């Protein structure tokens, strides 16, 4: 029964365990330029783990710098987990615009 149950879980998609999600969020929030991480989605299909998230940075961050930070976070997650596919989406944070009277 245990072998069959484990084999079935390897075949079905499932969300990553909470402790792994916490580790992913810690990696993503580490750079000082990251203001917020949201829409974290994780799943595992067979041996492969899939991680998707949105990273919010100041809107004034140069695109090249934002891209570099996103790649750094992807690489750190890939180093922390085996067989992982990481996708980050970069979101600019914009300051609230004063409404005209």
Protein backbone atom coordinates (compact mmCIF):
# COMPACT_ATOMS: atom_id res chain seq x y z
CA UNK A 1 0.00 0.00 0.00
CA UNK A 2 2.77 2.49 0.96
CA UNK A 3 4.66 1.88 -2.28
CA UNK A 4 1.51 2.35 -4.36
CA UNK A 5 0.55 5.48 -2.45
CA UNK A 6 4.00 7.01 -2.94
CA UNK A 7 4.01 6.11 -6.64
CA UNK A 8 0.58 7.72 -7.08
CA UNK A 9 1.80 10.96 -5.45
CA UNK A 10 4.74 11.07 -7.88
CA UNK A 11 2.34 10.88 -10.80
CA UNK A 12 -0.11 13.53 -9.58
CA UNK A 13 0.54 17.25 -9.43
CA UNK A 14 0.63 18.67 -5.92
CA UNK A 15 1.65 21.88 -4.19
CA UNK A 16 5.11 21.99 -2.61
CA UNK A 17 5.26 21.52 1.17
CA UNK A 18 4.90 24.65 3.31
CA UNK A 19 8.54 24.52 4.49
CA UNK A 20 9.77 24.54 0.87
CA UNK A 21 7.46 27.45 0.03
CA UNK A 22 8.83 29.33 3.05
CA UNK A 23 12.39 28.69 1.84
CA UNK A 24 11.49 29.96 -1.65
CA UNK A 25 9.94 33.13 -0.21
CA UNK A 26 13.03 33.74 1.94
CA UNK A 27 15.26 33.53 -1.15
CA UNK A 28 12.95 35.81 -3.16
CA UNK A 29 12.68 38.43 -0.40
CA UNK A 30 16.43 38.54 0.34
CA UNK A 31 17.54 41.26 -2.12
CA UNK A 32 16.96 44.75 -0.70
CA UNK A 33 15.41 45.86 -4.00
CA UNK A 34 12.46 43.47 -3.59
CA UNK A 35 9.49 45.29 -2.09
CA UNK A 36 7.00 42.43 -2.25
CA UNK A 37 6.61 38.88 -3.48
CA UNK A 38 3.11 37.77 -4.42
CA UNK A 39 1.20 35.19 -6.46
CA UNK A 40 3.57 32.38 -5.44
CA UNK A 41 2.46 29.22 -7.19
CA UNK A 42 4.20 25.92 -6.68
CA UNK A 43 3.56 22.40 -7.82
CA UNK A 44 5.41 19.18 -8.28
CA UNK A 45 4.82 16.79 -11.14
CA UNK A 46 6.88 13.65 -10.83
CA UNK A 47 10.39 14.74 -9.85
CA UNK A 48 10.09 18.23 -11.32
CA UNK A 49 9.15 21.17 -9.13
CA UNK A 50 7.57 24.25 -10.69
CA UNK A 51 7.78 27.68 -9.05
CA UNK A 52 6.13 30.87 -10.31
CA UNK A 53 5.98 34.24 -8.56
CA UNK A 54 5.74 37.99 -9.04
CA UNK A 55 8.51 40.22 -7.69
CA UNK A 56 7.69 43.88 -7.03
CA UNK A 57 10.50 46.45 -7.32
CA UNK A 58 10.56 50.23 -7.46
CA UNK A 59 9.34 51.41 -10.84
CA UNK A 60 12.49 53.50 -11.17
CA UNK A 61 14.74 50.42 -11.08
CA UNK A 62 16.50 50.15 -14.46
CA UNK A 63 15.28 47.21 -16.52
CA UNK A 64 18.75 45.69 -16.72
CA UNK A 65 19.10 45.80 -12.91
CA UNK A 66 15.62 44.33 -12.37
CA UNK A 67 16.37 41.55 -14.84
CA UNK A 68 19.67 40.80 -13.10
CA UNK A 69 17.94 40.55 -9.70
CA UNK A 70 15.26 38.25 -11.14
CA UNK A 71 17.90 35.97 -12.65
CA UNK A 72 19.82 35.92 -9.36
CA UNK A 73 16.71 34.81 -7.47
CA UNK A 74 15.95 32.14 -10.08
CA UNK A 75 19.53 30.80 -9.80
CA UNK A 76 19.41 30.69 -6.00
CA UNK A 77 16.14 28.74 -6.05
CA UNK A 78 17.59 26.36 -8.65
CA UNK A 79 20.64 25.85 -6.40
CA UNK A 80 18.44 25.15 -3.36
CA UNK A 81 16.21 22.55 -5.08
CA UNK A 82 16.84 19.77 -7.58
CA UNK A 83 14.85 19.48 -10.80
CA UNK A 84 13.12 22.84 -10.48
CA UNK A 85 11.67 25.10 -13.17
CA UNK A 86 11.47 28.71 -11.95
CA UNK A 87 9.55 31.55 -13.58
CA UNK A 88 9.53 35.04 -12.12
CA UNK A 89 7.50 37.98 -13.33
CA UNK A 90 8.85 41.45 -12.52
CA UNK A 91 6.29 44.05 -11.46
CA UNK A 92 7.09 47.75 -11.06
CA UNK A 93 5.85 49.44 -7.90
CA UNK A 94 4.44 52.86 -8.63
CA UNK A 95 3.94 55.51 -6.03
CA UNK A 96 0.38 56.60 -5.45
CA UNK A 97 -0.48 59.50 -7.68
CA UNK A 98 -2.17 62.43 -5.98
CA UNK A 99 -5.67 62.79 -7.26
CA UNK A 100 -6.64 66.11 -8.73
CA UNK A 101 -9.36 67.95 -6.80
